[in-house]
Amino acid sequence: MTNVIGGIPASVLGIIVLFTLLMLLRRVPEGVETMAGNLLRYLPLMLVVPAVGIVDFSGIEASVWLRLVLVIALSLLVTVPLCGWLLQYLIGRNKDHV
């Protein structure tokens, strides 16, 4: 069972804390960079679980599928531009510091 603090899962809080610390440091510590590189190698394996979950839901009603697709599409429309903006911001900030 996942621990929840104030309605937010502890794993999400950990990501927020890590992101905040990295922004305050304005650099990525060597240990974090090494670990992130190691985890990125296994990213395809981490995507197996959501894929299995999608296959497991193959017996649900059409109305539920419609809502599920709508939520996924809306989240995609929000996260893709946000990630693009964040990347452009970080690239621009990196050019200013070089």
Protein backbone atom coordinates (compact mmCIF):
# COMPACT_ATOMS: atom_id res chain seq x y z
CA MET A 1 0.00 0.00 0.00
CA THR A 2 1.25 3.44 -0.92
CA ASN A 3 1.58 5.98 1.87
CA VAL A 4 -0.42 9.14 1.30
CA ILE A 5 0.36 12.47 2.93
CA GLY A 6 -2.35 15.10 2.69
CA GLY A 7 -3.98 13.25 -0.21
CA ILE A 8 -0.76 13.21 -2.26
CA PRO A 9 1.13 9.91 -2.66
CA ALA A 10 4.53 9.86 -0.99
CA SER A 11 6.26 9.04 -4.30
CA VAL A 12 4.86 12.23 -5.85
CA LEU A 13 5.98 14.25 -2.83
CA GLY A 14 9.46 12.75 -3.21
CA ILE A 15 9.60 13.83 -6.85
CA ILE A 16 8.49 17.34 -5.89
CA VAL A 17 11.15 17.54 -3.17
CA LEU A 18 13.84 16.27 -5.57
CA PHE A 19 12.79 18.75 -8.26
CA THR A 20 12.80 21.62 -5.75
CA LEU A 21 16.26 20.72 -4.46
CA LEU A 22 17.64 20.43 -7.99
CA MET A 23 16.22 23.84 -8.89
CA LEU A 24 17.76 25.35 -5.76
CA LEU A 25 21.14 23.74 -6.46
CA ARG A 26 20.96 24.78 -10.14
CA ARG A 27 22.91 21.64 -11.03
CA VAL A 28 22.50 17.88 -10.95
CA PRO A 29 24.75 16.13 -8.42
CA GLU A 30 26.92 13.38 -9.87
CA GLY A 31 25.19 10.64 -7.86
CA VAL A 32 21.74 11.68 -9.07
CA GLU A 33 22.94 11.87 -12.66
CA THR A 34 24.51 8.40 -12.44
CA MET A 35 21.39 6.86 -10.92
CA ALA A 36 19.11 8.56 -13.46
CA GLY A 37 21.24 7.19 -16.29
CA ASN A 38 21.01 3.69 -14.84
CA LEU A 39 17.24 3.94 -14.44
CA LEU A 40 16.73 5.26 -17.99
CA ARG A 41 18.28 2.08 -19.33
CA TYR A 42 15.41 0.10 -17.79
CA LEU A 43 12.61 2.52 -18.73
CA PRO A 44 11.02 0.09 -21.23
CA LEU A 45 10.63 -2.46 -18.44
CA MET A 46 8.86 0.14 -16.30
CA LEU A 47 6.33 0.66 -19.08
CA VAL A 48 5.29 -3.01 -19.05
CA VAL A 49 3.06 -2.56 -15.99
CA PRO A 50 0.82 0.15 -17.54
CA ALA A 51 0.61 -1.88 -20.76
CA VAL A 52 -0.57 -4.95 -18.83
CA GLY A 53 -3.11 -2.79 -17.00
CA ILE A 54 -4.54 -1.61 -20.32
CA VAL A 55 -4.86 -5.17 -21.58
CA ASP A 56 -6.46 -6.22 -18.27
CA PHE A 57 -9.18 -3.57 -18.73
CA SER A 58 -10.24 -4.98 -22.10
CA GLY A 59 -13.57 -6.16 -20.67
CA ILE A 60 -14.88 -2.76 -19.49
CA GLU A 61 -17.87 -0.98 -21.00
CA ALA A 62 -17.64 1.37 -23.97
CA SER A 63 -18.72 4.41 -21.89
CA VAL A 64 -15.80 3.83 -19.54
CA TRP A 65 -13.40 3.55 -22.50
CA LEU A 66 -14.70 6.85 -23.87
CA ARG A 67 -14.05 8.61 -20.54
CA LEU A 68 -10.64 6.96 -20.25
CA VAL A 69 -9.61 8.08 -23.74
CA LEU A 70 -10.91 11.60 -23.04
CA VAL A 71 -8.89 11.89 -19.82
CA ILE A 72 -5.74 10.56 -21.51
CA ALA A 73 -6.17 12.96 -24.44
CA LEU A 74 -6.71 15.96 -22.14
CA SER A 75 -3.69 15.07 -20.02
CA LEU A 76 -1.62 14.73 -23.19
CA LEU A 77 -2.76 18.16 -24.40
CA VAL A 78 -1.61 19.65 -21.08
CA THR A 79 1.64 17.78 -20.49
CA VAL A 80 3.19 17.92 -23.97
CA PRO A 81 3.14 21.74 -24.26
CA LEU A 82 4.22 22.03 -20.61
CA CYS A 83 7.21 19.72 -21.20
CA GLY A 84 8.09 21.66 -24.38
CA TRP A 85 7.95 24.96 -22.52
CA LEU A 86 10.05 23.56 -19.66
CA LEU A 87 12.66 22.21 -22.10
CA GLN A 88 12.90 25.55 -23.90
CA TYR A 89 13.21 27.34 -20.55
CA LEU A 90 15.99 25.01 -19.37
CA ILE A 91 17.85 25.25 -22.70
CA GLY A 92 17.64 29.04 -22.60
CA ARG A 93 18.81 29.13 -19.00
CA ASN A 94 21.71 26.84 -19.83
CA LYS A 95 22.83 29.12 -22.69
CA ASP A 96 22.82 32.12 -20.34
CA HIS A 97 25.11 30.34 -17.87
CA VAL A 98 27.66 29.04 -20.40
